[in-house]
Amino acid sequence: MQVRERDSSPRSIERGVRQLLANKVIDNFIGLWLLVPEHLRLGTWDMVCDWSGKPGSDREPRMAMQLIHEAALCLTGVRGKNALTLKGFSLLNGLPFLAADSAIHVLLNSHTVEQAEQLQIVLGRKRFARNHFQGRVIAIDPHRPRSFSRREMRRHCEEKASKPFRTSQQFFSFDVDAKQPIAFTLSTSGHSVAKAAPALLRVTAAILSQELVEAKQQDKQAPLLVADTEHCVTELADYVEQQTPFDILAPFPRQKKFKERWRQVPPEEFTRHWAGYATSLQRFTFGRRGGEPYWEIVQRTGEQEDDWHFSGFLLTRPHDEVVSLTHDYPHRWYLEEYYNFHQAMGWNRAGTMNLHIRYNRLSMALLAQAALSQLRARLGEPYCRWTAQHLAEELFRRMSGDVRVEEGRIVVTYYNAPPAVRECYENIRGDLRAEQVSTQVPWLYDFELAFRFR
């Protein structure tokens, strides 16, 4: 791949894009054009323009679209080695060229963590308004992929027998009912969960509607955070209770001192729900004088006394014990499924520990995930069960076709599209108008988009 300077003035970009459309382009990533209607529905272009702080005619918002589509293709590494230099991919982003690694680095590094968080808040509010998630039960969890940074940092060890390695700490909030991410934050490897979680909860609270945020102050059922043992610490419980609209449910460590305390709870204080399962709600403090009083759900399994097994869960305010422990809490594992399904979009590795670059790059990946989520829901089975990598390989890369301009419209022609794609997108202009969504593509100079299937 040749890297050379190109004129990137608005006039030059528009001239180059219009020339590509006039020439007709055979696109090896023709399937990616299916994301254009989802971007129009989601309002992606307005969000990246606000994030970049530049008008839509400039290169910065278009380079952001390049990052979004790279995440959808699950690409990492040097761009030239991924065959992205072909003209069809750059045309989709509203550019006549592919932005080089150095230009992307400068773009991402020029935007702050606060700007990335604001982009997440705007995206989250749009998704909440479109009923992509409800915010009733929210899983929070750390994700620590391997980092390839050369900086000296604290190392983590997954197992006692394994060698410690550098990691990047990512913290997600995740709607367990809709199985969709709400927000994420990053931190250096030295930060504990108690230090990193407040930033995540602040962004999550800003995303949810005012009605949910005020539920706690009105003594209504507040959104419930379900977490793991790492989150069962004094500092985080105090922060959640005093400064957020949430309640938190987290398991206590299965240490000897806790097990002995649970066994001392009188049997008559347990409520038996069914054979072999009983719970007891107890008041609890973290042992500090004047500490905040919380609640502890003691769970007892086993029918006979010699078979009893105990576990405990911290709860900042009472919720239905059976629903919380047998329905809501087990659903937090859907977050692990999300990691497995979407980690190839950029969550599975970290090449740098520059937080400006990481935050903004992964915020673009979150935009790509939102568009992919809409696409999966529209296509249905089996696409909704495919991983991001599988979807990129089988849908975005496998179809054949071309892009041209006819009668003032951009016409994307598919020759081997699956029946589900044809059914959902053949009348895309009529569908968008019925949803009161503009059919004009703003980063392609307001050309209308049409799909043709042969």
Protein backbone atom coordinates (compact mmCIF):
# COMPACT_ATOMS: atom_id res chain seq x y z
CA MET A 1 0.00 0.00 0.00
CA GLN A 2 1.25 3.45 -0.89
CA VAL A 3 0.81 6.15 1.73
CA ARG A 4 0.82 9.65 0.33
CA GLU A 5 -0.66 13.02 1.11
CA ARG A 6 -4.00 13.83 -0.49
CA ASP A 7 -5.95 17.05 -0.70
CA SER A 8 -8.66 16.65 1.96
CA SER A 9 -10.44 19.98 1.55
CA PRO A 10 -14.25 19.74 1.44
CA ARG A 11 -14.30 20.63 -2.25
CA SER A 12 -11.72 17.97 -3.13
CA ILE A 13 -13.52 15.30 -1.10
CA GLU A 14 -16.86 16.05 -2.76
CA ARG A 15 -15.30 16.04 -6.22
CA GLY A 16 -13.60 12.68 -5.55
CA VAL A 17 -16.76 11.03 -4.16
CA ARG A 18 -18.91 12.23 -7.05
CA GLN A 19 -16.31 10.95 -9.53
CA LEU A 20 -16.31 7.50 -7.91
CA LEU A 21 -20.09 7.38 -8.13
CA ALA A 22 -19.98 8.40 -11.78
CA ASN A 23 -17.41 5.68 -12.53
CA LYS A 24 -19.51 2.92 -10.90
CA VAL A 25 -17.76 0.87 -8.25
CA ILE A 26 -17.60 -2.89 -7.76
CA ASP A 27 -17.41 -3.14 -3.99
CA ASN A 28 -15.83 -6.12 -2.24
CA PHE A 29 -17.59 -5.05 0.98
CA ILE A 30 -20.96 -4.49 -0.66
CA GLY A 31 -22.79 -5.99 2.30
CA LEU A 32 -21.74 -3.06 4.47
CA TRP A 33 -24.13 -0.80 2.57
CA LEU A 34 -26.94 -2.55 4.47
CA LEU A 35 -25.81 -0.54 7.49
CA VAL A 36 -26.61 2.78 5.78
CA PRO A 37 -30.39 2.57 6.49
CA GLU A 38 -29.60 1.62 10.09
CA HIS A 39 -27.34 4.68 10.40
CA LEU A 40 -30.18 6.85 9.08
CA ARG A 41 -32.59 5.37 11.61
CA LEU A 42 -30.12 5.77 14.46
CA GLY A 43 -28.89 9.25 13.54
CA THR A 44 -25.25 8.18 13.40
CA TRP A 45 -24.15 11.04 11.15
CA ASP A 46 -25.42 13.76 13.49
CA MET A 47 -23.65 12.08 16.42
CA VAL A 48 -20.26 11.84 14.71
CA CYS A 49 -20.54 15.44 13.48
CA ASP A 50 -21.23 16.62 17.03
CA TRP A 51 -18.38 14.47 18.34
CA SER A 52 -15.88 15.78 15.77
CA GLY A 53 -16.93 19.40 16.21
CA LYS A 54 -16.65 19.86 12.44
CA PRO A 55 -19.23 20.42 9.71
CA GLY A 56 -20.28 17.42 7.66
CA SER A 57 -18.33 18.64 4.64
CA ASP A 58 -15.00 18.18 6.45
CA ARG A 59 -12.97 14.98 6.62
CA GLU A 60 -13.20 14.31 10.38
CA PRO A 61 -16.80 13.01 10.51
CA ARG A 62 -16.09 10.86 7.45
CA MET A 63 -13.02 9.38 9.10
CA ALA A 64 -15.24 8.56 12.08
CA MET A 65 -17.55 6.66 9.71
CA GLN A 66 -14.48 4.76 8.51
CA LEU A 67 -13.76 3.72 12.10
CA ILE A 68 -17.37 2.60 12.59
CA HIS A 69 -17.31 0.42 9.49
CA GLU A 70 -13.89 -1.00 10.36
CA ALA A 71 -15.38 -2.10 13.70
CA ALA A 72 -18.34 -3.67 11.86
CA LEU A 73 -15.85 -5.65 9.75
CA CYS A 74 -13.99 -6.70 12.95
CA LEU A 75 -10.70 -5.38 11.60
CA THR A 76 -7.62 -4.53 13.64
CA GLY A 77 -4.05 -3.75 12.73
CA VAL A 78 -2.60 -1.89 9.75
CA ARG A 79 -5.34 -0.83 7.36
CA GLY A 80 -3.43 -1.56 4.17
CA LYS A 81 -3.04 -5.24 5.09
CA ASN A 82 -6.81 -5.68 5.30
CA ALA A 83 -7.53 -4.84 1.64
CA LEU A 84 -9.36 -1.69 2.68
CA THR A 85 -7.58 0.28 -0.04
CA LEU A 86 -10.21 -0.81 -2.55
CA LYS A 87 -12.44 2.10 -3.54
CA GLY A 88 -15.79 0.69 -2.44
CA PHE A 89 -15.00 0.83 1.26
CA SER A 90 -13.82 4.45 1.17
CA LEU A 91 -16.88 5.50 -0.86
CA LEU A 92 -19.19 4.09 1.83
CA ASN A 93 -17.57 6.50 4.31
CA GLY A 94 -17.99 9.51 2.03
CA LEU A 95 -14.28 9.68 1.21
CA PRO A 96 -12.41 9.18 -2.08
CA PHE A 97 -9.45 7.68 -0.17
CA LEU A 98 -8.69 5.57 2.87
CA ALA A 99 -7.48 7.53 5.89
CA ALA A 100 -4.08 6.21 6.99
CA ASP A 101 -3.17 4.96 10.44
CA SER A 102 -1.33 8.16 11.30
CA ALA A 103 -4.31 10.35 10.36
CA ILE A 104 -6.66 8.18 12.46
CA HIS A 105 -4.23 8.42 15.38
CA VAL A 106 -4.23 12.21 15.20
CA LEU A 107 -8.03 12.31 14.97
CA LEU A 108 -8.61 10.09 17.99
CA ASN A 109 -5.90 11.70 20.10
CA SER A 110 -7.39 15.15 19.52
CA HIS A 111 -10.63 14.17 21.29
CA THR A 112 -10.86 13.77 25.04
CA VAL A 113 -12.34 11.14 27.32
CA GLU A 114 -15.15 13.56 28.18
CA GLN A 115 -16.08 13.86 24.50
CA ALA A 116 -16.19 10.08 24.17
CA GLU A 117 -18.44 9.83 27.23
CA GLN A 118 -20.75 12.50 25.83
CA LEU A 119 -21.00 10.53 22.58
CA GLN A 120 -21.98 7.45 24.59
CA ILE A 121 -24.63 9.43 26.47
CA VAL A 122 -26.19 10.76 23.24
CA LEU A 123 -26.13 7.28 21.69
CA GLY A 124 -27.57 5.70 24.82
CA ARG A 125 -30.42 8.19 25.01
CA LYS A 126 -31.29 7.57 21.38
CA ARG A 127 -31.28 3.81 21.95
CA PHE A 128 -33.36 4.17 25.10
CA ALA A 129 -35.90 6.26 23.19
CA ARG A 130 -36.05 3.52 20.52
CA ASN A 131 -36.68 0.88 23.23
CA HIS A 132 -33.37 -0.90 22.65
CA PHE A 133 -33.21 -1.42 26.42
CA GLN A 134 -35.38 -0.78 29.47
CA GLY A 135 -32.92 -0.10 32.31
CA ARG A 136 -34.74 -2.33 34.81
CA VAL A 137 -31.85 -4.68 35.67
CA ILE A 138 -28.31 -3.63 34.73
CA ALA A 139 -25.26 -5.87 34.91
CA ILE A 140 -21.90 -4.21 35.62
CA ASP A 141 -18.75 -6.17 35.05
CA PRO A 142 -15.03 -5.67 34.35
CA HIS A 143 -13.52 -7.07 31.16
CA ARG A 144 -9.74 -7.36 30.99
CA PRO A 145 -8.40 -8.18 27.52
CA ARG A 146 -4.70 -8.55 26.89
CA SER A 147 -2.85 -5.30 26.22
CA PHE A 148 0.06 -5.14 23.79
CA SER A 149 1.30 -1.82 25.11
CA ARG A 150 5.00 -1.69 26.00
CA ARG A 151 4.39 0.49 29.03
CA GLU A 152 5.25 -0.84 32.43
CA MET A 153 2.02 -1.47 34.34
CA ARG A 154 0.35 -3.72 36.85
CA ARG A 155 -0.16 -7.22 35.47
CA HIS A 156 -3.09 -9.54 36.05
CA CYS A 157 -3.08 -13.30 36.45
CA GLU A 158 -6.20 -15.19 35.33
CA GLU A 159 -5.18 -18.43 37.02
CA LYS A 160 -2.64 -19.24 39.69
CA ALA A 161 -0.69 -21.47 37.32
CA SER A 162 -0.59 -18.91 34.47
CA LYS A 163 1.95 -16.17 33.93
CA PRO A 164 0.77 -12.59 34.67
CA PHE A 165 0.27 -10.37 31.63
CA ARG A 166 -0.58 -6.76 30.79
CA THR A 167 -4.27 -6.02 30.48
CA SER A 168 -6.60 -3.19 29.56
CA GLN A 169 -9.46 -2.69 32.00
CA GLN A 170 -12.88 -2.16 30.47
CA PHE A 171 -16.04 -1.76 32.56
CA PHE A 172 -19.47 -2.28 31.03
CA SER A 173 -23.04 -1.59 32.04
CA PHE A 174 -25.39 -3.96 30.28
CA ASP A 175 -29.18 -4.30 30.12
CA VAL A 176 -29.83 -7.96 30.93
CA ASP A 177 -33.42 -7.95 29.61
CA ALA A 178 -32.55 -6.62 26.15
CA LYS A 179 -29.01 -8.11 26.14
CA GLN A 180 -27.61 -4.78 24.96
CA PRO A 181 -24.71 -2.64 26.24
CA ILE A 182 -25.58 0.72 27.74
CA ALA A 183 -22.14 2.28 28.31
CA PHE A 184 -18.53 1.50 29.10
CA THR A 185 -15.54 3.12 30.75
CA LEU A 186 -11.83 2.37 30.66
CA SER A 187 -9.15 2.70 33.28
CA THR A 188 -5.49 1.98 33.79
CA SER A 189 -4.58 -1.48 35.06
CA GLY A 190 -3.87 -0.16 38.57
CA HIS A 191 -7.43 0.97 39.28
CA SER A 192 -9.67 -1.25 41.38
CA VAL A 193 -13.33 -1.87 40.61
CA ALA A 194 -14.38 0.47 43.44
CA LYS A 195 -12.42 3.34 41.84
CA ALA A 196 -13.52 2.69 38.25
CA ALA A 197 -17.22 1.91 38.76
CA PRO A 198 -18.39 5.45 39.76
CA ALA A 199 -17.49 6.85 36.33
CA LEU A 200 -19.41 4.03 34.64
CA LEU A 201 -22.46 4.58 36.85
CA ARG A 202 -22.39 8.33 36.21
CA VAL A 203 -22.58 7.79 32.43
CA THR A 204 -25.24 5.09 32.80
CA ALA A 205 -27.41 7.33 35.00
CA ALA A 206 -27.09 10.16 32.48
CA ILE A 207 -28.37 7.85 29.73
CA LEU A 208 -31.49 6.59 31.46
CA SER A 209 -34.63 8.68 31.42
CA GLN A 210 -35.49 11.13 34.19
CA GLU A 211 -38.38 8.93 35.26
CA LEU A 212 -36.02 6.05 36.09
CA VAL A 213 -33.44 8.34 37.65
CA GLU A 214 -36.02 9.85 40.02
CA ALA A 215 -37.56 6.50 41.00
CA LYS A 216 -35.29 6.09 43.99
CA GLN A 217 -36.11 9.50 45.42
CA GLN A 218 -39.85 8.76 45.07
CA ASP A 219 -39.56 5.42 46.92
CA LYS A 220 -40.30 3.49 43.75
CA GLN A 221 -38.42 0.44 42.57
CA ALA A 222 -35.02 1.74 41.48
CA PRO A 223 -33.01 0.08 38.67
CA LEU A 224 -31.06 -2.84 40.09
CA LEU A 225 -27.33 -3.28 39.46
CA VAL A 226 -26.24 -6.92 39.50
CA ALA A 227 -22.51 -7.31 40.04
CA ASP A 228 -19.89 -9.85 41.05
CA THR A 229 -17.87 -10.32 44.23
CA GLU A 230 -15.36 -7.61 43.25
CA HIS A 231 -18.10 -5.01 43.68
CA CYS A 232 -19.01 -6.06 47.23
CA VAL A 233 -16.94 -3.35 48.93
CA THR A 234 -17.78 -0.54 51.32
CA GLU A 235 -16.76 2.35 49.08
CA LEU A 236 -18.86 1.24 46.13
CA ALA A 237 -21.95 0.42 48.23
CA ASP A 238 -21.79 3.88 49.84
CA TYR A 239 -21.40 5.55 46.45
CA VAL A 240 -24.33 3.67 44.92
CA GLU A 241 -26.60 4.42 47.88
CA GLN A 242 -25.71 8.09 48.31
CA GLN A 243 -24.92 9.38 44.81
CA THR A 244 -26.74 7.24 42.22
CA PRO A 245 -30.36 6.35 41.44
CA PHE A 246 -29.53 2.63 41.54
CA ASP A 247 -29.61 -0.25 44.00
CA ILE A 248 -26.90 -2.90 43.88
CA LEU A 249 -26.97 -6.66 44.37
CA ALA A 250 -23.55 -8.32 44.76
CA PRO A 251 -22.48 -11.64 46.30
CA PHE A 252 -20.29 -11.72 49.39
CA PRO A 253 -17.02 -13.65 49.14
CA ARG A 254 -17.46 -17.24 50.25
CA GLN A 255 -15.03 -16.82 53.12
CA LYS A 256 -15.09 -18.70 56.39
CA LYS A 257 -16.17 -15.71 58.49
CA PHE A 258 -19.18 -15.07 56.28
CA LYS A 259 -20.21 -18.74 56.20
CA GLU A 260 -20.11 -18.89 60.00
CA ARG A 261 -22.33 -15.80 60.26
CA TRP A 262 -24.87 -17.22 57.80
CA ARG A 263 -25.09 -20.48 59.75
CA GLN A 264 -25.90 -18.52 62.90
CA VAL A 265 -29.12 -17.11 61.41
CA PRO A 266 -31.99 -18.85 63.26
CA PRO A 267 -33.91 -21.32 61.02
CA GLU A 268 -37.23 -19.65 61.89
CA GLU A 269 -36.04 -16.42 60.20
CA PHE A 270 -35.82 -18.15 56.83
CA THR A 271 -38.72 -18.09 54.39
CA ARG A 272 -39.06 -21.42 52.60
CA HIS A 273 -40.01 -20.83 48.96
CA TRP A 274 -39.87 -24.40 47.68
CA ALA A 275 -38.21 -27.66 48.56
CA GLY A 276 -34.53 -27.09 49.23
CA TYR A 277 -34.60 -23.30 48.85
CA ALA A 278 -35.07 -20.62 51.53
CA THR A 279 -33.96 -17.01 52.07
CA SER A 280 -33.67 -14.58 54.94
CA LEU A 281 -33.36 -10.79 54.76
CA GLN A 282 -31.01 -9.40 57.41
CA ARG A 283 -29.70 -5.93 58.26
CA PHE A 284 -26.00 -5.54 57.61
CA THR A 285 -23.18 -3.03 58.05
CA PHE A 286 -19.58 -3.33 56.92
CA GLY A 287 -18.33 -3.28 60.51
CA ARG A 288 -17.46 0.41 60.68
CA ARG A 289 -18.79 2.54 63.48
CA GLY A 290 -21.52 4.75 62.07
CA GLY A 291 -21.41 2.89 58.77
CA GLU A 292 -24.36 2.92 56.38
CA PRO A 293 -26.82 0.08 57.19
CA TYR A 294 -27.61 -2.16 54.24
CA TRP A 295 -29.41 -5.42 53.68
CA GLU A 296 -28.08 -8.92 53.27
CA ILE A 297 -29.97 -11.75 51.61
CA VAL A 298 -28.88 -15.06 53.11
CA GLN A 299 -29.66 -17.90 50.72
CA ARG A 300 -30.00 -21.44 52.03
CA THR A 301 -30.12 -24.49 49.77
CA GLY A 302 -30.70 -28.07 50.84
CA GLU A 303 -33.66 -29.74 52.53
CA GLN A 304 -32.02 -31.41 55.54
CA GLU A 305 -29.92 -29.52 58.08
CA ASP A 306 -26.79 -31.57 57.40
CA ASP A 307 -27.14 -30.72 53.66
CA TRP A 308 -27.59 -26.98 54.06
CA HIS A 309 -25.36 -24.68 52.00
CA PHE A 310 -25.32 -20.92 52.49
CA SER A 311 -24.44 -17.90 50.40
CA GLY A 312 -24.99 -14.19 50.94
CA PHE A 313 -25.73 -11.17 48.79
CA LEU A 314 -25.34 -7.48 49.58
CA LEU A 315 -28.40 -5.37 48.76
CA THR A 316 -28.56 -1.62 49.32
CA ARG A 317 -32.39 -1.54 49.41
CA PRO A 318 -34.91 -4.40 49.64
CA HIS A 319 -36.09 -6.03 46.41
CA ASP A 320 -38.09 -9.20 45.88
CA GLU A 321 -35.65 -11.84 47.11
CA VAL A 322 -36.77 -14.73 44.93
CA VAL A 323 -36.95 -12.68 41.72
CA SER A 324 -33.61 -10.99 42.43
CA LEU A 325 -31.70 -14.20 43.17
CA THR A 326 -33.32 -16.72 40.83
CA HIS A 327 -34.14 -14.51 37.83
CA ASP A 328 -32.30 -11.17 37.78
CA TYR A 329 -28.91 -12.17 39.14
CA PRO A 330 -28.34 -15.24 36.89
CA HIS A 331 -29.05 -13.05 33.86
CA ARG A 332 -25.87 -11.08 34.49
CA TRP A 333 -24.06 -13.87 32.60
CA TYR A 334 -25.60 -12.51 29.41
CA LEU A 335 -22.81 -9.96 29.61
CA GLU A 336 -20.29 -12.77 29.06
CA GLU A 337 -22.26 -13.79 25.97
CA TYR A 338 -21.98 -10.22 24.72
CA TYR A 339 -18.19 -10.34 25.10
CA ASN A 340 -18.05 -13.59 23.15
CA PHE A 341 -20.35 -12.32 20.40
CA HIS A 342 -18.86 -8.86 19.89
CA GLN A 343 -15.30 -8.93 21.21
CA ALA A 344 -13.86 -9.02 17.68
CA MET A 345 -15.20 -5.48 17.12
CA GLY A 346 -12.37 -4.16 19.28
CA TRP A 347 -13.03 -5.36 22.82
CA ASN A 348 -10.60 -8.30 22.74
CA ARG A 349 -7.26 -6.49 22.55
CA ALA A 350 -5.62 -3.16 23.28
CA GLY A 351 -2.69 -1.90 21.26
CA THR A 352 -2.23 1.30 23.24
CA MET A 353 -2.95 2.60 26.73
CA ASN A 354 -3.58 6.16 25.51
CA LEU A 355 -7.06 6.63 26.98
CA HIS A 356 -8.04 9.34 24.49
CA ILE A 357 -7.44 6.95 21.61
CA ARG A 358 -8.97 3.90 23.32
CA TYR A 359 -12.10 5.70 24.57
CA ASN A 360 -12.90 7.33 21.25
CA ARG A 361 -12.10 4.28 19.14
CA LEU A 362 -14.28 1.99 21.27
CA SER A 363 -17.06 4.57 21.31
CA MET A 364 -17.10 4.23 17.51
CA ALA A 365 -17.28 0.46 17.99
CA LEU A 366 -20.30 1.01 20.26
CA LEU A 367 -21.96 2.98 17.46
CA ALA A 368 -21.23 0.10 15.06
CA GLN A 369 -22.69 -2.39 17.54
CA ALA A 370 -25.89 -0.35 17.79
CA ALA A 371 -26.32 -0.36 14.01
CA LEU A 372 -25.54 -4.09 13.86
CA SER A 373 -28.11 -4.72 16.58
CA GLN A 374 -30.81 -3.07 14.47
CA LEU A 375 -29.70 -5.07 11.42
CA ARG A 376 -29.81 -8.38 13.33
CA ALA A 377 -33.28 -7.62 14.72
CA ARG A 378 -34.54 -6.83 11.23
CA LEU A 379 -33.10 -9.94 9.56
CA GLY A 380 -34.07 -12.35 12.35
CA GLU A 381 -32.90 -15.96 12.32
CA PRO A 382 -30.19 -17.12 11.90
CA TYR A 383 -28.41 -13.75 11.72
CA CYS A 384 -29.40 -12.70 15.24
CA ARG A 385 -27.40 -15.68 16.59
CA TRP A 386 -24.22 -15.01 14.60
CA THR A 387 -21.15 -13.51 16.21
CA ALA A 388 -19.86 -10.18 14.90
CA GLN A 389 -17.00 -11.98 13.15
CA HIS A 390 -19.36 -14.47 11.51
CA LEU A 391 -21.71 -11.71 10.37
CA ALA A 392 -18.81 -9.78 8.84
CA GLU A 393 -17.54 -12.84 6.97
CA GLU A 394 -20.85 -14.28 5.77
CA LEU A 395 -22.88 -11.13 5.11
CA PHE A 396 -20.63 -8.13 4.60
CA ARG A 397 -17.86 -9.86 2.63
CA ARG A 398 -19.63 -12.65 0.72
CA MET A 399 -22.20 -10.75 -1.33
CA SER A 400 -21.37 -9.44 -4.81
CA GLY A 401 -22.60 -6.26 -6.40
CA ASP A 402 -21.85 -2.72 -7.48
CA VAL A 403 -22.64 0.89 -6.62
CA ARG A 404 -23.76 3.45 -9.19
CA VAL A 405 -25.88 6.60 -9.59
CA GLU A 406 -29.15 6.37 -11.50
CA GLU A 407 -31.78 9.11 -11.72
CA GLY A 408 -30.21 11.06 -8.88
CA ARG A 409 -30.12 8.04 -6.53
CA ILE A 410 -27.31 5.81 -5.33
CA VAL A 411 -28.34 2.33 -6.42
CA VAL A 412 -26.64 -0.61 -4.69
CA THR A 413 -27.10 -3.77 -6.75
CA TYR A 414 -26.84 -7.23 -5.14
CA TYR A 415 -26.50 -10.39 -7.21
CA ASN A 416 -26.45 -13.11 -4.55
CA ALA A 417 -28.26 -11.63 -1.56
CA PRO A 418 -29.98 -14.02 0.88
CA PRO A 419 -33.80 -14.01 0.76
CA ALA A 420 -34.06 -12.38 4.20
CA VAL A 421 -31.95 -9.42 3.04
CA ARG A 422 -34.05 -8.98 -0.07
CA GLU A 423 -37.29 -9.10 1.89
CA CYS A 424 -36.14 -6.50 4.44
CA TYR A 425 -34.36 -4.01 2.16
CA GLU A 426 -35.90 -4.21 -1.31
CA ASN A 427 -38.34 -1.38 -0.56
CA ILE A 428 -36.04 0.53 1.76
CA ARG A 429 -37.10 4.00 0.61
CA GLY A 430 -40.74 3.31 1.32
CA ASP A 431 -39.91 1.75 4.68
CA LEU A 432 -37.83 4.75 5.76
CA ARG A 433 -40.51 7.20 4.71
CA ALA A 434 -43.11 5.22 6.65
CA GLU A 435 -40.88 5.56 9.73
CA GLN A 436 -40.49 9.29 9.02
CA VAL A 437 -36.77 8.87 8.41
CA SER A 438 -35.03 10.82 5.66
CA THR A 439 -33.99 8.70 2.69
CA GLN A 440 -31.12 11.06 1.85
CA VAL A 441 -27.61 10.03 2.91
CA PRO A 442 -25.97 13.20 4.31
CA TRP A 443 -22.35 12.01 4.09
CA LEU A 444 -22.96 11.11 0.42
CA TYR A 445 -24.16 14.61 -0.44
CA ASP A 446 -27.87 13.91 0.11
CA PHE A 447 -28.21 11.28 -2.60
CA GLU A 448 -31.12 8.96 -1.90
CA LEU A 449 -30.30 5.29 -1.34
CA ALA A 450 -31.96 2.41 -3.17
CA PHE A 451 -31.23 -1.33 -3.21
CA ARG A 452 -31.72 -3.53 -6.25
CA PHE A 453 -31.64 -7.33 -6.14
CA ARG A 454 -30.91 -9.58 -9.10
